[in-house]
């Protein structure tokens, strides 16, 4: 199969569509967020799809100068949970794109 065959088979158009979908997904990643919490909601983290923490909230009761280690552990837990949610969402989205790619493939 030479270049003209590939071009005529729709592969070039399919590649353009994939590129467009990926660019849309990337440009949209700043605005999409996940939320995770720890300590029964005492600490809450909002993270965007670029793994940037955009918000950190905590209840007054969790801020105890005598137990900074507990606060640190809750923050770490909430951030890690948010990060895992981002990874799962990205995997799901990329899986959806891969599935769509299979259906977009031209017949052999």
PDB file of N, CA and C in Angstrom:
ATOM      1  N   UNK A   1       0.858  -1.170   0.000  1.00  0.00           N
ATOM      2  CA  UNK A   1       0.000   0.000   0.000  1.00  0.00           C
ATOM      3  C   UNK A   1       0.906   1.237   0.000  1.00  0.00           C
ATOM      4  N   UNK A   2       0.713   2.135  -0.932  1.00  0.00           N
ATOM      5  CA  UNK A   2       1.523   3.353  -0.983  1.00  0.00           C
ATOM      6  C   UNK A   2       0.749   4.530  -0.383  1.00  0.00           C
ATOM      7  N   UNK A   3       1.363   5.700  -0.406  1.00  0.00           N
ATOM      8  CA  UNK A   3       0.773   6.886   0.224  1.00  0.00           C
ATOM      9  C   UNK A   3      -0.583   7.230  -0.361  1.00  0.00           C
ATOM     10  N   UNK A   4      -0.728   7.159  -1.690  1.00  0.00           N
ATOM     11  CA  UNK A   4      -2.021   7.483  -2.321  1.00  0.00           C
ATOM     12  C   UNK A   4      -3.106   6.526  -1.862  1.00  0.00           C
ATOM     13  N   UNK A   5      -2.762   5.254  -1.686  1.00  0.00           N
ATOM     14  CA  UNK A   5      -3.747   4.282  -1.196  1.00  0.00           C
ATOM     15  C   UNK A   5      -4.198   4.649   0.219  1.00  0.00           C
ATOM     16  N   UNK A   6      -3.232   5.032   1.065  1.00  0.00           N
ATOM     17  CA  UNK A   6      -3.584   5.441   2.428  1.00  0.00           C
ATOM     18  C   UNK A   6      -4.478   6.668   2.422  1.00  0.00           C
ATOM     19  N   UNK A   7      -4.117   7.629   1.586  1.00  0.00           N
ATOM     20  CA  UNK A   7      -4.893   8.866   1.510  1.00  0.00           C
ATOM     21  C   UNK A   7      -6.317   8.575   1.039  1.00  0.00           C
ATOM     22  N   UNK A   8      -6.447   7.719   0.073  1.00  0.00           N
ATOM     23  CA  UNK A   8      -7.765   7.406  -0.472  1.00  0.00           C
ATOM     24  C   UNK A   8      -8.579   6.494   0.447  1.00  0.00           C
ATOM     25  N   UNK A   9      -7.916   5.786   1.345  1.00  0.00           N
ATOM     26  CA  UNK A   9      -8.640   4.855   2.219  1.00  0.00           C
ATOM     27  C   UNK A   9      -9.310   5.560   3.393  1.00  0.00           C
ATOM     28  N   UNK A  10      -9.052   6.831   3.564  1.00  0.00           N
ATOM     29  CA  UNK A  10      -9.662   7.565   4.661  1.00  0.00           C
ATOM     30  C   UNK A  10      -8.788   7.634   5.897  1.00  0.00           C
ATOM     31  N   UNK A  11      -7.594   7.064   5.851  1.00  0.00           N
ATOM     32  CA  UNK A  11      -6.715   7.072   7.009  1.00  0.00           C
ATOM     33  C   UNK A  11      -6.309   8.495   7.364  1.00  0.00           C
ATOM     34  N   UNK A  12      -6.034   9.312   6.348  1.00  0.00           N
ATOM     35  CA  UNK A  12      -5.632  10.698   6.614  1.00  0.00           C
ATOM     36  C   UNK A  12      -6.757  11.459   7.312  1.00  0.00           C
ATOM     37  N   UNK A  13      -7.990  11.263   6.865  1.00  0.00           N
ATOM     38  CA  UNK A  13      -9.124  11.942   7.505  1.00  0.00           C
ATOM     39  C   UNK A  13      -9.323  11.427   8.927  1.00  0.00           C
ATOM     40  N   UNK A  14      -9.151  10.127   9.108  1.00  0.00           N
ATOM     41  CA  UNK A  14      -9.284   9.544  10.435  1.00  0.00           C
ATOM     42  C   UNK A  14      -8.216  10.130  11.367  1.00  0.00           C
ATOM     43  N   UNK A  15      -6.985  10.274  10.876  1.00  0.00           N
ATOM     44  CA  UNK A  15      -5.902  10.849  11.687  1.00  0.00           C
ATOM     45  C   UNK A  15      -6.226  12.295  12.053  1.00  0.00           C
ATOM     46  N   UNK A  16      -6.790  13.058  11.134  1.00  0.00           N
ATOM     47  CA  UNK A  16      -7.186  14.437  11.428  1.00  0.00           C
ATOM     48  C   UNK A  16      -8.254  14.464  12.518  1.00  0.00           C
ATOM     49  N   UNK A  17      -9.217  13.554  12.427  1.00  0.00           N
ATOM     50  CA  UNK A  17     -10.286  13.492  13.429  1.00  0.00           C
ATOM     51  C   UNK A  17      -9.726  13.153  14.814  1.00  0.00           C
ATOM     52  N   UNK A  18      -8.795  12.209  14.864  1.00  0.00           N
ATOM     53  CA  UNK A  18      -8.178  11.833  16.135  1.00  0.00           C
ATOM     54  C   UNK A  18      -7.408  13.014  16.706  1.00  0.00           C
ATOM     55  N   UNK A  19      -6.643  13.682  15.847  1.00  0.00           N
ATOM     56  CA  UNK A  19      -5.870  14.837  16.292  1.00  0.00           C
ATOM     57  C   UNK A  19      -6.798  15.913  16.847  1.00  0.00           C
ATOM     58  N   UNK A  20      -7.899  16.163  16.162  1.00  0.00           N
ATOM     59  CA  UNK A  20      -8.858  17.179  16.605  1.00  0.00           C
ATOM     60  C   UNK A  20      -9.451  16.814  17.958  1.00  0.00           C
ATOM     61  N   UNK A  21      -9.814  15.551  18.130  1.00  0.00           N
ATOM     62  CA  UNK A  21     -10.392  15.102  19.404  1.00  0.00           C
ATOM     63  C   UNK A  21      -9.375  15.215  20.535  1.00  0.00           C
ATOM     64  N   UNK A  22      -8.132  14.856  20.260  1.00  0.00           N
ATOM     65  CA  UNK A  22      -7.089  14.955  21.282  1.00  0.00           C
ATOM     66  C   UNK A  22      -6.835  16.418  21.665  1.00  0.00           C
ATOM     67  N   UNK A  23      -6.785  17.307  20.680  1.00  0.00           N
ATOM     68  CA  UNK A  23      -6.579  18.726  20.965  1.00  0.00           C
ATOM     69  C   UNK A  23      -7.734  19.300  21.771  1.00  0.00           C
ATOM     70  N   UNK A  24      -8.970  18.896  21.435  1.00  0.00           N
ATOM     71  CA  UNK A  24     -10.133  19.334  22.217  1.00  0.00           C
ATOM     72  C   UNK A  24     -10.029  18.845  23.657  1.00  0.00           C
ATOM     73  N   UNK A  25      -9.641  17.597  23.816  1.00  0.00           N
ATOM     74  CA  UNK A  25      -9.519  17.015  25.153  1.00  0.00           C
ATOM     75  C   UNK A  25      -8.455  17.754  25.961  1.00  0.00           C
ATOM     76  N   UNK A  26      -7.310  18.036  25.330  1.00  0.00           N
ATOM     77  CA  UNK A  26      -6.219  18.721  26.019  1.00  0.00           C
ATOM     78  C   UNK A  26      -6.621  20.145  26.386  1.00  0.00           C
ATOM     79  N   UNK A  27      -7.237  20.863  25.450  1.00  0.00           N
ATOM     80  CA  UNK A  27      -7.608  22.252  25.736  1.00  0.00           C
ATOM     81  C   UNK A  27      -8.697  22.337  26.796  1.00  0.00           C
ATOM     82  N   UNK A  28      -9.505  21.308  26.902  1.00  0.00           N
ATOM     83  CA  UNK A  28     -10.588  21.267  27.876  1.00  0.00           C
ATOM     84  C   UNK A  28     -10.106  20.813  29.258  1.00  0.00           C
ATOM     85  N   UNK A  29      -8.871  20.343  29.352  1.00  0.00           N
ATOM     86  CA  UNK A  29      -8.403  19.723  30.589  1.00  0.00           C
ATOM     87  C   UNK A  29      -8.265  20.708  31.750  1.00  0.00           C
ATOM     88  N   UNK A  30      -8.073  21.986  31.458  1.00  0.00           N
ATOM     89  CA  UNK A  30      -7.966  22.968  32.546  1.00  0.00           C
ATOM     90  C   UNK A  30      -9.308  23.201  33.229  1.00  0.00           C
ATOM     91  N   UNK A  31     -10.388  23.078  32.481  1.00  0.00           N
ATOM     92  CA  UNK A  31     -11.696  23.404  33.051  1.00  0.00           C
ATOM     93  C   UNK A  31     -12.386  22.208  33.699  1.00  0.00           C
ATOM     94  N   UNK A  32     -11.994  21.001  33.362  1.00  0.00           N
ATOM     95  CA  UNK A  32     -12.611  19.824  33.978  1.00  0.00           C
ATOM     96  C   UNK A  32     -11.892  19.511  35.286  1.00  0.00           C
ATOM     97  N   UNK A  33     -12.655  19.193  36.315  1.00  0.00           N
ATOM     98  CA  UNK A  33     -12.070  18.932  37.628  1.00  0.00           C
ATOM     99  C   UNK A  33     -12.672  17.684  38.263  1.00  0.00           C
ATOM    100  N   UNK A  34     -11.964  17.195  39.253  1.00  0.00           N
ATOM    101  CA  UNK A  34     -12.468  16.131  40.122  1.00  0.00           C
ATOM    102  C   UNK A  34     -12.370  16.647  41.551  1.00  0.00           C
ATOM    103  N   UNK A  35     -13.174  16.075  42.425  1.00  0.00           N
ATOM    104  CA  UNK A  35     -13.161  16.458  43.834  1.00  0.00           C
ATOM    105  C   UNK A  35     -12.978  15.205  44.677  1.00  0.00           C
ATOM    106  N   UNK A  36     -12.086  15.297  45.654  1.00  0.00           N
ATOM    107  CA  UNK A  36     -11.856  14.181  46.574  1.00  0.00           C
ATOM    108  C   UNK A  36     -11.777  14.734  47.983  1.00  0.00           C
ATOM    109  N   UNK A  37     -12.089  13.865  48.940  1.00  0.00           N
ATOM    110  CA  UNK A  37     -12.029  14.314  50.333  1.00  0.00           C
ATOM    111  C   UNK A  37     -11.435  13.217  51.203  1.00  0.00           C
ATOM    112  N   UNK A  38     -11.036  13.621  52.388  1.00  0.00           N
ATOM    113  CA  UNK A  38     -10.488  12.688  53.380  1.00  0.00           C
ATOM    114  C   UNK A  38     -11.008  13.093  54.750  1.00  0.00           C
ATOM    115  N   UNK A  39     -10.942  12.146  55.656  1.00  0.00           N
ATOM    116  CA  UNK A  39     -11.392  12.427  57.023  1.00  0.00           C
ATOM    117  C   UNK A  39     -12.874  12.704  57.102  1.00  0.00           C
ATOM    118  N   UNK A  40     -13.652  11.977  56.310  1.00  0.00           N
ATOM    119  CA  UNK A  40     -15.097  12.187  56.329  1.00  0.00           C
ATOM    120  C   UNK A  40     -15.511  13.561  55.838  1.00  0.00           C
ATOM    121  N   UNK A  41     -14.733  14.108  54.899  1.00  0.00           N
ATOM    122  CA  UNK A  41     -15.059  15.416  54.333  1.00  0.00           C
ATOM    123  C   UNK A  41     -14.404  16.579  55.068  1.00  0.00           C
ATOM    124  N   UNK A  42     -13.529  16.260  56.010  1.00  0.00           N
ATOM    125  CA  UNK A  42     -12.852  17.326  56.761  1.00  0.00           C
ATOM    126  C   UNK A  42     -11.862  18.088  55.887  1.00  0.00           C
ATOM    127  N   UNK A  43     -11.259  17.394  54.902  1.00  0.00           N
ATOM    128  CA  UNK A  43     -10.349  18.021  53.945  1.00  0.00           C
ATOM    129  C   UNK A  43     -10.850  17.680  52.546  1.00  0.00           C
ATOM    130  N   UNK A  44     -10.965  18.703  51.702  1.00  0.00           N
ATOM    131  CA  UNK A  44     -11.461  18.522  50.340  1.00  0.00           C
ATOM    132  C   UNK A  44     -10.477  19.141  49.353  1.00  0.00           C
ATOM    133  N   UNK A  45     -10.214  18.404  48.273  1.00  0.00           N
ATOM    134  CA  UNK A  45      -9.308  18.863  47.225  1.00  0.00           C
ATOM    135  C   UNK A  45     -10.049  18.842  45.896  1.00  0.00           C
ATOM    136  N   UNK A  46      -9.898  19.925  45.131  1.00  0.00           N
ATOM    137  CA  UNK A  46     -10.391  19.976  43.755  1.00  0.00           C
ATOM    138  C   UNK A  46      -9.153  20.047  42.869  1.00  0.00           C
ATOM    139  N   UNK A  47      -9.093  19.146  41.874  1.00  0.00           N
ATOM    140  CA  UNK A  47      -7.929  19.045  41.008  1.00  0.00           C
ATOM    141  C   UNK A  47      -8.392  19.031  39.556  1.00  0.00           C
ATOM    142  N   UNK A  48      -7.653  19.743  38.678  1.00  0.00           N
ATOM    143  CA  UNK A  48      -7.998  19.696  37.256  1.00  0.00           C
ATOM    144  C   UNK A  48      -7.304  18.515  36.588  1.00  0.00           C
ATOM    145  N   UNK A  49      -7.585  18.309  35.323  1.00  0.00           N
ATOM    146  CA  UNK A  49      -7.070  17.151  34.602  1.00  0.00           C
ATOM    147  C   UNK A  49      -5.569  17.239  34.326  1.00  0.00           C
ATOM    148  N   UNK A  50      -4.958  18.365  34.666  1.00  0.00           N
ATOM    149  CA  UNK A  50      -3.504  18.515  34.541  1.00  0.00           C
ATOM    150  C   UNK A  50      -2.815  18.246  35.872  1.00  0.00           C
ATOM    151  N   UNK A  51      -3.526  17.628  36.796  1.00  0.00           N
ATOM    152  CA  UNK A  51      -3.019  17.313  38.127  1.00  0.00           C
ATOM    153  C   UNK A  51      -2.641  18.564  38.917  1.00  0.00           C
ATOM    154  N   UNK A  52      -3.322  19.658  38.665  1.00  0.00           N
ATOM    155  CA  UNK A  52      -3.092  20.880  39.433  1.00  0.00           C
ATOM    156  C   UNK A  52      -4.200  21.016  40.477  1.00  0.00           C
ATOM    157  N   UNK A  53      -3.816  21.214  41.722  1.00  0.00           N
ATOM    158  CA  UNK A  53      -4.797  21.452  42.780  1.00  0.00           C
ATOM    159  C   UNK A  53      -5.310  22.871  42.596  1.00  0.00           C
ATOM    160  N   UNK A  54      -6.619  23.004  42.375  1.00  0.00           N
ATOM    161  CA  UNK A  54      -7.205  24.324  42.155  1.00  0.00           C
ATOM    162  C   UNK A  54      -7.963  24.819  43.386  1.00  0.00           C
ATOM    163  N   UNK A  55      -8.196  23.916  44.341  1.00  0.00           N
ATOM    164  CA  UNK A  55      -8.868  24.316  45.566  1.00  0.00           C
ATOM    165  C   UNK A  55      -8.534  23.319  46.672  1.00  0.00           C
ATOM    166  N   UNK A  56      -8.355  23.847  47.861  1.00  0.00           N
ATOM    167  CA  UNK A  56      -8.114  23.023  49.036  1.00  0.00           C
ATOM    168  C   UNK A  56      -8.965  23.592  50.162  1.00  0.00           C
ATOM    169  N   UNK A  57      -9.836  22.758  50.696  1.00  0.00           N
ATOM    170  CA  UNK A  57     -10.692  23.209  51.786  1.00  0.00           C
ATOM    171  C   UNK A  57     -10.530  22.309  52.998  1.00  0.00           C
ATOM    172  N   UNK A  58     -10.738  22.894  54.155  1.00  0.00           N
ATOM    173  CA  UNK A  58     -10.683  22.087  55.377  1.00  0.00           C
ATOM    174  C   UNK A  58     -11.589  22.697  56.438  1.00  0.00           C
ATOM    175  N   UNK A  59     -12.133  21.835  57.245  1.00  0.00           N
ATOM    176  CA  UNK A  59     -12.978  22.263  58.355  1.00  0.00           C
ATOM    177  C   UNK A  59     -12.094  22.778  59.485  1.00  0.00           C
ATOM    178  N   UNK A  60     -12.622  23.721  60.250  1.00  0.00           N
ATOM    179  CA  UNK A  60     -11.868  24.304  61.370  1.00  0.00           C
ATOM    180  C   UNK A  60     -11.396  23.236  62.360  1.00  0.00           C
ATOM    181  N   UNK A  61     -12.254  22.253  62.569  1.00  0.00           N
ATOM    182  CA  UNK A  61     -11.950  21.228  63.574  1.00  0.00           C
ATOM    183  C   UNK A  61     -10.683  20.438  63.254  1.00  0.00           C
ATOM    184  N   UNK A  62     -10.312  20.369  62.007  1.00  0.00           N
ATOM    185  CA  UNK A  62      -9.149  19.566  61.621  1.00  0.00           C
ATOM    186  C   UNK A  62      -7.835  20.340  61.785  1.00  0.00           C
ATOM    187  N   UNK A  63      -7.939  21.651  61.996  1.00  0.00           N
ATOM    188  CA  UNK A  63      -6.741  22.477  62.171  1.00  0.00           C
ATOM    189  C   UNK A  63      -6.424  22.547  63.667  1.00  0.00           C
ATOM    190  N   UNK A  64      -5.514  21.691  64.070  1.00  0.00           N
ATOM    191  CA  UNK A  64      -5.120  21.606  65.477  1.00  0.00           C
ATOM    192  C   UNK A  64      -3.600  21.767  65.536  1.00  0.00           C
ATOM    193  N   UNK A  65      -3.117  22.857  66.123  1.00  0.00           N
ATOM    194  CA  UNK A  65      -1.668  23.082  66.176  1.00  0.00           C
ATOM    195  C   UNK A  65      -0.910  21.957  66.875  1.00  0.00           C
ATOM    196  N   UNK A  66      -1.605  21.198  67.715  1.00  0.00           N
ATOM    197  CA  UNK A  66      -0.958  20.102  68.425  1.00  0.00           C
ATOM    198  C   UNK A  66      -0.926  18.808  67.619  1.00  0.00           C
ATOM    199  N   UNK A  67      -1.595  18.815  66.446  1.00  0.00           N
ATOM    200  CA  UNK A  67      -1.649  17.588  65.632  1.00  0.00           C
ATOM    201  C   UNK A  67      -1.521  17.928  64.138  1.00  0.00           C
ATOM    202  N   UNK A  68      -0.447  18.595  63.802  1.00  0.00           N
ATOM    203  CA  UNK A  68      -0.193  18.977  62.410  1.00  0.00           C
ATOM    204  C   UNK A  68      -0.030  17.736  61.532  1.00  0.00           C
ATOM    205  N   UNK A  69       0.510  16.676  62.094  1.00  0.00           N
ATOM    206  CA  UNK A  69       0.731  15.444  61.323  1.00  0.00           C
ATOM    207  C   UNK A  69      -0.587  14.882  60.781  1.00  0.00           C
ATOM    208  N   UNK A  70      -1.658  14.924  61.586  1.00  0.00           N
ATOM    209  CA  UNK A  70      -2.947  14.431  61.125  1.00  0.00           C
ATOM    210  C   UNK A  70      -3.444  15.275  59.948  1.00  0.00           C
ATOM    211  N   UNK A  71      -3.325  16.582  60.048  1.00  0.00           N
ATOM    212  CA  UNK A  71      -3.747  17.470  58.963  1.00  0.00           C
ATOM    213  C   UNK A  71      -2.953  17.166  57.696  1.00  0.00           C
ATOM    214  N   UNK A  72      -1.654  17.009  57.840  1.00  0.00           N
ATOM    215  CA  UNK A  72      -0.793  16.683  56.707  1.00  0.00           C
ATOM    216  C   UNK A  72      -1.232  15.366  56.057  1.00  0.00           C
ATOM    217  N   UNK A  73      -1.522  14.357  56.872  1.00  0.00           N
ATOM    218  CA  UNK A  73      -1.960  13.055  56.355  1.00  0.00           C
ATOM    219  C   UNK A  73      -3.289  13.161  55.602  1.00  0.00           C
ATOM    220  N   UNK A  74      -4.212  13.962  56.133  1.00  0.00           N
ATOM    221  CA  UNK A  74      -5.507  14.140  55.472  1.00  0.00           C
ATOM    222  C   UNK A  74      -5.347  14.856  54.132  1.00  0.00           C
ATOM    223  N   UNK A  75      -4.494  15.867  54.085  1.00  0.00           N
ATOM    224  CA  UNK A  75      -4.253  16.587  52.830  1.00  0.00           C
ATOM    225  C   UNK A  75      -3.627  15.645  51.804  1.00  0.00           C
ATOM    226  N   UNK A  76      -2.630  14.899  52.223  1.00  0.00           N
ATOM    227  CA  UNK A  76      -1.976  13.954  51.307  1.00  0.00           C
ATOM    228  C   UNK A  76      -2.973  12.930  50.790  1.00  0.00           C
ATOM    229  N   UNK A  77      -3.807  12.417  51.666  1.00  0.00           N
ATOM    230  CA  UNK A  77      -4.810  11.430  51.266  1.00  0.00           C
ATOM    231  C   UNK A  77      -5.790  12.001  50.245  1.00  0.00           C
ATOM    232  N   UNK A  78      -6.286  13.199  50.502  1.00  0.00           N
ATOM    233  CA  UNK A  78      -7.243  13.822  49.577  1.00  0.00           C
ATOM    234  C   UNK A  78      -6.580  14.114  48.226  1.00  0.00           C
ATOM    235  N   UNK A  79      -5.347  14.599  48.236  1.00  0.00           N
ATOM    236  CA  UNK A  79      -4.639  14.878  46.976  1.00  0.00           C
ATOM    237  C   UNK A  79      -4.411  13.578  46.200  1.00  0.00           C
ATOM    238  N   UNK A  80      -3.993  12.529  46.893  1.00  0.00           N
ATOM    239  CA  UNK A  80      -3.771  11.247  46.215  1.00  0.00           C
ATOM    240  C   UNK A  80      -5.057  10.681  45.632  1.00  0.00           C
ATOM    241  N   UNK A  81      -6.158  10.814  46.342  1.00  0.00           N
ATOM    242  CA  UNK A  81      -7.443  10.339  45.830  1.00  0.00           C
ATOM    243  C   UNK A  81      -7.853  11.134  44.593  1.00  0.00           C
ATOM    244  N   UNK A  82      -7.669  12.437  44.630  1.00  0.00           N
ATOM    245  CA  UNK A  82      -7.998  13.271  43.468  1.00  0.00           C
ATOM    246  C   UNK A  82      -7.119  12.889  42.277  1.00  0.00           C
ATOM    247  N   UNK A  83      -5.841  12.681  42.527  1.00  0.00           N
ATOM    248  CA  UNK A  83      -4.923  12.290  41.465  1.00  0.00           C
ATOM    249  C   UNK A  83      -5.356  10.967  40.831  1.00  0.00           C
ATOM    250  N   UNK A  84      -5.752  10.020  41.649  1.00  0.00           N
ATOM    251  CA  UNK A  84      -6.228   8.729  41.133  1.00  0.00           C
ATOM    252  C   UNK A  84      -7.494   8.912  40.299  1.00  0.00           C
ATOM    253  N   UNK A  85      -8.376   9.793  40.719  1.00  0.00           N
ATOM    254  CA  UNK A  85      -9.586  10.065  39.930  1.00  0.00           C
ATOM    255  C   UNK A  85      -9.231  10.669  38.577  1.00  0.00           C
ATOM    256  N   UNK A  86      -8.235  11.551  38.545  1.00  0.00           N
ATOM    257  CA  UNK A  86      -7.795  12.151  37.284  1.00  0.00           C
ATOM    258  C   UNK A  86      -7.263  11.061  36.362  1.00  0.00           C
ATOM    259  N   UNK A  87      -6.441  10.180  36.897  1.00  0.00           N
ATOM    260  CA  UNK A  87      -5.875   9.089  36.091  1.00  0.00           C
ATOM    261  C   UNK A  87      -6.988   8.202  35.541  1.00  0.00           C
ATOM    262  N   UNK A  88      -7.964   7.867  36.382  1.00  0.00           N
ATOM    263  CA  UNK A  88      -9.079   7.028  35.934  1.00  0.00           C
ATOM    264  C   UNK A  88      -9.887   7.723  34.845  1.00  0.00           C
ATOM    265  N   UNK A  89     -10.152   9.004  35.018  1.00  0.00           N
ATOM    266  CA  UNK A  89     -10.917   9.767  34.018  1.00  0.00           C
ATOM    267  C   UNK A  89     -10.160   9.846  32.698  1.00  0.00           C
ATOM    268  N   UNK A  90      -8.857  10.085  32.772  1.00  0.00           N
ATOM    269  CA  UNK A  90      -8.052  10.160  31.555  1.00  0.00           C
ATOM    270  C   UNK A  90      -8.024   8.805  30.854  1.00  0.00           C
ATOM    271  N   UNK A  91      -7.877   7.740  31.619  1.00  0.00           N
ATOM    272  CA  UNK A  91      -7.870   6.392  31.037  1.00  0.00           C
ATOM    273  C   UNK A  91      -9.203   6.082  30.372  1.00  0.00           C
ATOM    274  N   UNK A  92     -10.283   6.467  31.037  1.00  0.00           N
ATOM    275  CA  UNK A  92     -11.615   6.230  30.465  1.00  0.00           C
ATOM    276  C   UNK A  92     -11.775   6.993  29.161  1.00  0.00           C
ATOM    277  N   UNK A  93     -11.370   8.259  29.167  1.00  0.00           N
ATOM    278  CA  UNK A  93     -11.511   9.099  27.980  1.00  0.00           C
ATOM    279  C   UNK A  93     -10.662   8.561  26.833  1.00  0.00           C
ATOM    280  N   UNK A  94      -9.421   8.200  27.133  1.00  0.00           N
ATOM    281  CA  UNK A  94      -8.559   7.650  26.089  1.00  0.00           C
ATOM    282  C   UNK A  94      -9.071   6.303  25.601  1.00  0.00           C
ATOM    283  N   UNK A  95      -9.643   5.523  26.504  1.00  0.00           N
ATOM    284  CA  UNK A  95     -10.256   4.252  26.105  1.00  0.00           C
ATOM    285  C   UNK A  95     -11.436   4.478  25.180  1.00  0.00           C
ATOM    286  N   UNK A  96     -12.247   5.495  25.491  1.00  0.00           N
ATOM    287  CA  UNK A  96     -13.372   5.833  24.614  1.00  0.00           C
ATOM    288  C   UNK A  96     -12.875   6.225  23.223  1.00  0.00           C
ATOM    289  N   UNK A  97     -11.794   7.010  23.194  1.00  0.00           N
ATOM    290  CA  UNK A  97     -11.237   7.420  21.907  1.00  0.00           C
ATOM    291  C   UNK A  97     -10.695   6.221  21.139  1.00  0.00           C
ATOM    292  N   UNK A  98     -10.047   5.301  21.833  1.00  0.00           N
ATOM    293  CA  UNK A  98      -9.504   4.107  21.183  1.00  0.00           C
ATOM    294  C   UNK A  98     -10.633   3.237  20.638  1.00  0.00           C
ATOM    295  N   UNK A  99     -11.701   3.107  21.408  1.00  0.00           N
ATOM    296  CA  UNK A  99     -12.855   2.335  20.935  1.00  0.00           C
ATOM    297  C   UNK A  99     -13.442   2.971  19.691  1.00  0.00           C
ATOM    298  N   UNK A 100     -13.578   4.283  19.721  1.00  0.00           N
ATOM    299  CA  UNK A 100     -14.103   4.990  18.559  1.00  0.00           C
ATOM    300  C   UNK A 100     -13.173   4.817  17.360  1.00  0.00           C
ATOM    301  N   UNK A 101     -11.879   4.791  17.610  1.00  0.00           N
ATOM    302  CA  UNK A 101     -10.909   4.608  16.538  1.00  0.00           C
ATOM    303  C   UNK A 101     -11.131   3.271  15.852  1.00  0.00           C
ATOM    304  N   UNK A 102     -11.405   2.233  16.626  1.00  0.00           N
ATOM    305  CA  UNK A 102     -11.661   0.915  16.040  1.00  0.00           C
ATOM    306  C   UNK A 102     -12.853   0.956  15.099  1.00  0.00           C
ATOM    307  N   UNK A 103     -13.902   1.686  15.494  1.00  0.00           N
ATOM    308  CA  UNK A 103     -15.096   1.757  14.669  1.00  0.00           C
ATOM    309  C   UNK A 103     -14.888   2.672  13.467  1.00  0.00           C
ATOM    310  N   UNK A 104     -13.950   3.617  13.575  1.00  0.00           N
ATOM    311  CA  UNK A 104     -13.690   4.531  12.466  1.00  0.00           C
ATOM    312  C   UNK A 104     -12.745   3.944  11.424  1.00  0.00           C
ATOM    313  N   UNK A 105     -12.141   2.795  11.741  1.00  0.00           N
ATOM    314  CA  UNK A 105     -11.185   2.217  10.818  1.00  0.00           C
ATOM    315  C   UNK A 105     -11.874   1.831   9.514  1.00  0.00           C
ATOM    316  N   UNK A 106     -11.267   2.177   8.386  1.00  0.00           N
ATOM    317  CA  UNK A 106     -11.850   1.787   7.103  1.00  0.00           C
ATOM    318  C   UNK A 106     -11.736   0.268   6.921  1.00  0.00           C
ATOM    319  N   UNK A 107     -12.650  -0.306   6.181  1.00  0.00           N
ATOM    320  CA  UNK A 107     -12.579  -1.753   5.944  1.00  0.00           C
ATOM    321  C   UNK A 107     -11.317  -2.089   5.152  1.00  0.00           C
ATOM    322  N   UNK A 108     -10.796  -3.291   5.389  1.00  0.00           N
ATOM    323  CA  UNK A 108      -9.573  -3.706   4.683  1.00  0.00           C
ATOM    324  C   UNK A 108      -9.889  -4.153   3.275  1.00  0.00           C
TER     325      UNK A 108
END
